[in-house]
N, C-alpha and C. Protein backbone atom coordinates (compact mmCIF):
# COMPACT_ATOMS: atom_id res chain seq x y z
N MET A 1 -64.24 -74.47 104.79
CA MET A 1 -63.16 -73.83 104.05
C MET A 1 -63.34 -72.33 104.20
N PHE A 2 -62.32 -71.68 104.72
CA PHE A 2 -62.37 -70.24 104.92
C PHE A 2 -61.79 -69.49 103.73
N GLY A 3 -60.76 -70.02 103.10
CA GLY A 3 -60.15 -69.37 101.96
C GLY A 3 -60.82 -69.78 100.66
N LYS A 4 -60.61 -68.97 99.64
CA LYS A 4 -61.16 -69.27 98.33
C LYS A 4 -60.04 -69.66 97.37
N PRO A 5 -60.30 -70.62 96.49
CA PRO A 5 -59.25 -71.08 95.58
C PRO A 5 -58.75 -69.99 94.63
N GLN A 6 -59.55 -68.98 94.37
CA GLN A 6 -59.14 -67.90 93.47
C GLN A 6 -58.03 -67.05 94.08
N TRP A 7 -57.86 -67.12 95.37
CA TRP A 7 -56.86 -66.31 96.05
C TRP A 7 -55.47 -66.93 96.00
N PHE A 8 -55.37 -68.19 95.58
CA PHE A 8 -54.11 -68.92 95.68
C PHE A 8 -53.78 -69.65 94.38
N ARG A 9 -52.53 -70.12 94.32
CA ARG A 9 -52.13 -71.09 93.30
C ARG A 9 -51.23 -72.09 94.00
N ARG A 10 -51.12 -73.25 93.40
CA ARG A 10 -50.29 -74.30 94.01
C ARG A 10 -48.83 -73.90 93.97
N LYS A 11 -48.09 -74.34 94.99
CA LYS A 11 -46.66 -74.12 95.00
C LYS A 11 -46.00 -74.98 93.95
N LYS A 12 -44.95 -74.47 93.33
CA LYS A 12 -44.25 -75.24 92.32
C LYS A 12 -43.34 -76.29 92.95
N VAL A 13 -42.83 -75.99 94.14
CA VAL A 13 -41.96 -76.92 94.85
C VAL A 13 -42.56 -77.14 96.23
N GLY A 14 -42.76 -78.39 96.59
CA GLY A 14 -43.31 -78.70 97.90
C GLY A 14 -44.82 -78.77 97.86
N TRP A 15 -45.40 -78.86 99.07
CA TRP A 15 -46.84 -78.99 99.21
C TRP A 15 -47.39 -77.69 99.77
N GLY A 16 -48.50 -77.23 99.23
CA GLY A 16 -49.14 -76.06 99.80
C GLY A 16 -49.61 -75.10 98.73
N LEU A 17 -49.95 -73.90 99.21
CA LEU A 17 -50.49 -72.86 98.35
C LEU A 17 -49.66 -71.60 98.47
N ARG A 18 -49.74 -70.77 97.43
CA ARG A 18 -49.08 -69.48 97.42
C ARG A 18 -50.12 -68.42 97.15
N PRO A 19 -50.19 -67.37 97.99
CA PRO A 19 -51.18 -66.31 97.73
C PRO A 19 -50.85 -65.54 96.46
N VAL A 20 -51.90 -65.19 95.71
CA VAL A 20 -51.69 -64.42 94.49
C VAL A 20 -52.54 -63.14 94.47
N THR A 21 -53.44 -62.99 95.43
CA THR A 21 -54.26 -61.78 95.51
C THR A 21 -54.10 -61.16 96.89
N VAL A 22 -54.62 -59.97 97.03
CA VAL A 22 -54.57 -59.29 98.33
C VAL A 22 -55.34 -60.09 99.37
N GLN A 23 -56.49 -60.66 98.97
CA GLN A 23 -57.27 -61.47 99.90
C GLN A 23 -56.48 -62.69 100.36
N GLY A 24 -55.70 -63.29 99.46
CA GLY A 24 -54.87 -64.43 99.83
C GLY A 24 -53.80 -64.04 100.84
N TRP A 25 -53.20 -62.88 100.65
CA TRP A 25 -52.19 -62.41 101.60
C TRP A 25 -52.82 -62.07 102.94
N LEU A 26 -54.02 -61.49 102.94
CA LEU A 26 -54.72 -61.21 104.20
C LEU A 26 -55.10 -62.50 104.91
N TYR A 27 -55.52 -63.50 104.15
CA TYR A 27 -55.83 -64.81 104.71
C TYR A 27 -54.59 -65.42 105.36
N THR A 28 -53.45 -65.32 104.69
CA THR A 28 -52.20 -65.84 105.22
C THR A 28 -51.79 -65.10 106.49
N ALA A 29 -51.94 -63.79 106.48
CA ALA A 29 -51.60 -62.99 107.67
C ALA A 29 -52.53 -63.31 108.83
N ALA A 30 -53.81 -63.53 108.54
CA ALA A 30 -54.76 -63.87 109.60
C ALA A 30 -54.41 -65.22 110.23
N TRP A 31 -54.06 -66.21 109.40
CA TRP A 31 -53.68 -67.51 109.95
C TRP A 31 -52.38 -67.40 110.75
N SER A 32 -51.47 -66.56 110.29
CA SER A 32 -50.23 -66.37 111.05
C SER A 32 -50.52 -65.78 112.42
N ALA A 33 -51.45 -64.82 112.47
CA ALA A 33 -51.83 -64.22 113.75
C ALA A 33 -52.54 -65.23 114.64
N VAL A 34 -53.42 -66.04 114.04
CA VAL A 34 -54.14 -67.06 114.81
C VAL A 34 -53.17 -68.09 115.40
N LEU A 35 -52.10 -68.39 114.68
CA LEU A 35 -51.12 -69.33 115.20
C LEU A 35 -50.20 -68.69 116.23
N ALA A 36 -49.69 -67.50 115.95
CA ALA A 36 -48.62 -66.92 116.75
C ALA A 36 -49.09 -66.20 118.02
N LEU A 37 -50.13 -65.40 117.94
CA LEU A 37 -50.51 -64.57 119.09
C LEU A 37 -50.96 -65.39 120.30
N PRO A 38 -51.87 -66.33 120.16
CA PRO A 38 -52.21 -67.13 121.35
C PRO A 38 -51.03 -67.96 121.86
N PHE A 39 -50.22 -68.47 120.94
CA PHE A 39 -49.05 -69.24 121.35
C PHE A 39 -48.12 -68.38 122.20
N ALA A 40 -47.81 -67.18 121.71
CA ALA A 40 -46.91 -66.29 122.44
C ALA A 40 -47.52 -65.88 123.78
N THR A 41 -48.81 -65.61 123.79
CA THR A 41 -49.48 -65.21 125.03
C THR A 41 -49.41 -66.33 126.07
N LEU A 42 -49.67 -67.55 125.64
CA LEU A 42 -49.62 -68.68 126.57
C LEU A 42 -48.21 -68.95 127.07
N VAL A 43 -47.22 -68.78 126.22
CA VAL A 43 -45.83 -68.97 126.65
C VAL A 43 -45.44 -67.90 127.66
N LEU A 44 -45.85 -66.65 127.41
CA LEU A 44 -45.52 -65.57 128.34
C LEU A 44 -46.24 -65.74 129.68
N ARG A 45 -47.37 -66.41 129.70
CA ARG A 45 -48.09 -66.67 130.94
C ARG A 45 -47.58 -67.93 131.63
N ASN A 46 -46.49 -68.48 131.12
CA ASN A 46 -45.85 -69.67 131.67
C ASN A 46 -46.78 -70.87 131.61
N GLN A 47 -47.41 -71.07 130.44
CA GLN A 47 -48.26 -72.23 130.19
C GLN A 47 -47.80 -72.92 128.91
N PRO A 48 -46.64 -73.55 128.94
CA PRO A 48 -46.09 -74.14 127.70
C PRO A 48 -46.91 -75.32 127.18
N ALA A 49 -47.51 -76.11 128.06
CA ALA A 49 -48.29 -77.26 127.60
C ALA A 49 -49.51 -76.77 126.81
N GLU A 50 -50.21 -75.76 127.34
CA GLU A 50 -51.37 -75.21 126.65
C GLU A 50 -50.96 -74.56 125.34
N ALA A 51 -49.78 -73.93 125.33
CA ALA A 51 -49.29 -73.29 124.10
C ALA A 51 -49.05 -74.34 123.01
N LEU A 52 -48.47 -75.47 123.37
CA LEU A 52 -48.22 -76.52 122.38
C LEU A 52 -49.52 -77.15 121.91
N ILE A 53 -50.47 -77.31 122.82
CA ILE A 53 -51.78 -77.85 122.42
C ILE A 53 -52.46 -76.90 121.45
N TRP A 54 -52.41 -75.60 121.76
CA TRP A 54 -53.01 -74.60 120.84
C TRP A 54 -52.33 -74.64 119.48
N LEU A 55 -51.02 -74.69 119.47
CA LEU A 55 -50.28 -74.70 118.22
C LEU A 55 -50.61 -75.94 117.39
N ALA A 56 -50.69 -77.09 118.03
CA ALA A 56 -51.01 -78.33 117.32
C ALA A 56 -52.43 -78.29 116.76
N ALA A 57 -53.39 -77.84 117.55
CA ALA A 57 -54.78 -77.79 117.09
C ALA A 57 -54.95 -76.80 115.95
N ALA A 58 -54.32 -75.64 116.06
CA ALA A 58 -54.43 -74.63 115.00
C ALA A 58 -53.75 -75.12 113.72
N CYS A 59 -52.63 -75.81 113.84
CA CYS A 59 -51.96 -76.34 112.64
C CYS A 59 -52.80 -77.40 111.96
N VAL A 60 -53.48 -78.24 112.74
CA VAL A 60 -54.36 -79.25 112.15
C VAL A 60 -55.48 -78.57 111.37
N LEU A 61 -56.07 -77.53 111.94
CA LEU A 61 -57.13 -76.80 111.23
C LEU A 61 -56.61 -76.12 109.97
N LEU A 62 -55.40 -75.57 110.04
CA LEU A 62 -54.81 -74.93 108.86
C LEU A 62 -54.57 -75.94 107.75
N VAL A 63 -54.01 -77.09 108.09
CA VAL A 63 -53.75 -78.13 107.08
C VAL A 63 -55.07 -78.61 106.49
N TYR A 64 -56.10 -78.77 107.32
CA TYR A 64 -57.41 -79.19 106.82
C TYR A 64 -57.97 -78.16 105.83
N ASP A 65 -57.85 -76.88 106.16
CA ASP A 65 -58.37 -75.84 105.28
C ASP A 65 -57.59 -75.78 103.97
N VAL A 66 -56.28 -75.92 104.03
CA VAL A 66 -55.47 -75.90 102.81
C VAL A 66 -55.80 -77.11 101.93
N ARG A 67 -56.02 -78.27 102.55
CA ARG A 67 -56.40 -79.46 101.76
C ARG A 67 -57.74 -79.26 101.09
N GLN A 68 -58.69 -78.61 101.78
CA GLN A 68 -59.99 -78.34 101.18
C GLN A 68 -59.86 -77.40 99.98
N ILE A 69 -59.04 -76.37 100.11
CA ILE A 69 -58.83 -75.43 99.01
C ILE A 69 -58.17 -76.15 97.84
N MET A 70 -57.17 -76.98 98.12
CA MET A 70 -56.48 -77.69 97.05
C MET A 70 -57.41 -78.71 96.37
N ALA A 71 -58.32 -79.30 97.12
CA ALA A 71 -59.27 -80.25 96.54
C ALA A 71 -60.21 -79.54 95.57
N VAL A 72 -60.61 -78.32 95.89
CA VAL A 72 -61.48 -77.57 94.98
C VAL A 72 -60.70 -77.15 93.74
N MET A 73 -59.41 -76.87 93.88
CA MET A 73 -58.59 -76.44 92.76
C MET A 73 -58.31 -77.59 91.78
N THR A 74 -58.32 -78.82 92.27
CA THR A 74 -58.03 -79.98 91.44
C THR A 74 -59.29 -80.43 90.73
N PRO A 75 -59.30 -80.41 89.40
CA PRO A 75 -60.49 -80.87 88.70
C PRO A 75 -60.65 -82.38 88.86
N SER A 76 -61.88 -82.80 89.07
CA SER A 76 -62.12 -84.23 89.21
C SER A 76 -62.12 -84.87 87.82
N GLN A 77 -61.44 -85.98 87.71
CA GLN A 77 -61.33 -86.68 86.44
C GLN A 77 -62.15 -87.97 86.50
N PRO A 78 -62.93 -88.24 85.47
CA PRO A 78 -63.70 -89.48 85.49
C PRO A 78 -62.78 -90.68 85.35
N ALA A 79 -63.23 -91.78 85.86
CA ALA A 79 -62.45 -93.02 85.76
C ALA A 79 -62.39 -93.46 84.31
N GLU A 80 -61.19 -93.76 83.84
CA GLU A 80 -61.01 -94.15 82.45
C GLU A 80 -61.17 -95.66 82.26
N ASP A 81 -60.88 -96.41 83.29
CA ASP A 81 -60.93 -97.86 83.18
C ASP A 81 -62.26 -98.38 83.71
N VAL A 82 -63.33 -98.08 82.97
CA VAL A 82 -64.65 -98.52 83.37
C VAL A 82 -65.09 -99.60 82.41
N LEU A 83 -65.55 -100.71 82.95
CA LEU A 83 -66.02 -101.82 82.15
C LEU A 83 -67.54 -101.85 82.23
N TYR A 84 -68.20 -101.72 81.10
CA TYR A 84 -69.64 -101.80 81.03
C TYR A 84 -70.01 -103.17 80.49
N ILE A 85 -70.82 -103.89 81.23
CA ILE A 85 -71.25 -105.21 80.81
C ILE A 85 -72.68 -105.08 80.32
N GLY A 86 -72.90 -105.48 79.11
CA GLY A 86 -74.24 -105.42 78.55
C GLY A 86 -74.17 -105.40 77.04
N ASP A 87 -75.30 -105.49 76.43
CA ASP A 87 -75.39 -105.50 74.98
C ASP A 87 -75.59 -104.08 74.50
N ASP A 88 -74.61 -103.50 73.83
CA ASP A 88 -74.72 -102.14 73.34
C ASP A 88 -75.66 -102.03 72.15
N GLU A 89 -75.83 -103.11 71.43
CA GLU A 89 -76.65 -103.09 70.23
C GLU A 89 -78.14 -103.24 70.52
N ALA A 90 -78.48 -103.72 71.69
CA ALA A 90 -79.89 -103.99 72.00
C ALA A 90 -80.64 -102.68 72.21
N SER A 91 -81.85 -102.63 71.72
CA SER A 91 -82.66 -101.43 71.88
C SER A 91 -83.77 -101.65 72.90
N ASN A 92 -83.61 -102.67 73.72
CA ASN A 92 -84.61 -102.91 74.76
C ASN A 92 -84.61 -101.75 75.74
N GLU A 93 -85.77 -101.27 76.02
CA GLU A 93 -85.89 -100.20 76.99
C GLU A 93 -86.51 -100.69 78.28
N ARG A 94 -86.71 -101.99 78.41
CA ARG A 94 -87.27 -102.59 79.61
C ARG A 94 -86.27 -103.60 80.16
N LEU A 95 -86.23 -103.63 81.47
CA LEU A 95 -85.42 -104.62 82.15
C LEU A 95 -86.29 -105.21 83.25
N ALA A 96 -86.53 -106.47 83.18
CA ALA A 96 -87.38 -107.12 84.16
C ALA A 96 -86.55 -108.10 84.98
N THR A 97 -86.73 -108.04 86.26
CA THR A 97 -86.14 -109.01 87.17
C THR A 97 -87.28 -109.71 87.91
N ARG A 98 -86.91 -110.58 88.81
CA ARG A 98 -87.95 -111.30 89.53
C ARG A 98 -88.80 -110.35 90.38
N ASN A 99 -88.19 -109.33 90.95
CA ASN A 99 -88.91 -108.45 91.87
C ASN A 99 -89.26 -107.08 91.27
N TYR A 100 -88.55 -106.66 90.26
CA TYR A 100 -88.74 -105.30 89.75
C TYR A 100 -88.88 -105.30 88.24
N ASP A 101 -89.54 -104.26 87.75
CA ASP A 101 -89.70 -104.07 86.32
C ASP A 101 -89.23 -102.64 86.02
N PHE A 102 -88.12 -102.50 85.31
CA PHE A 102 -87.55 -101.19 85.03
C PHE A 102 -87.80 -100.77 83.59
N ARG A 103 -87.94 -99.47 83.39
CA ARG A 103 -88.04 -98.91 82.04
C ARG A 103 -87.05 -97.78 81.90
N LEU A 104 -86.49 -97.63 80.72
CA LEU A 104 -85.54 -96.57 80.44
C LEU A 104 -86.31 -95.33 80.03
N ARG A 105 -86.08 -94.22 80.72
CA ARG A 105 -86.72 -92.95 80.35
C ARG A 105 -85.72 -92.10 79.61
N ARG A 106 -86.20 -91.44 78.59
CA ARG A 106 -85.34 -90.56 77.82
C ARG A 106 -85.90 -89.18 77.78
């Protein structure tokens, strides 16, 4: 992940991020340059296949980076539907099986 979540906020409409700091705008400008300059250079050199390959690879990397930033921005929520099987009232601190003997440490 190249960008930091503090530089962005989620878009209200659609998927993606919106820059909110100067660093976020610089990050956006850098990605625009990374996408556009090599693409334009390859097209001007009459290499359209390489230009499309570059554009596709760079877009995949951009989407991956944006997903990583959005994943960090989303707080992880614990599972609410968890079923615990066992006796809650028992105060046994030992669990013995055929092969192992466990003790609860506090």
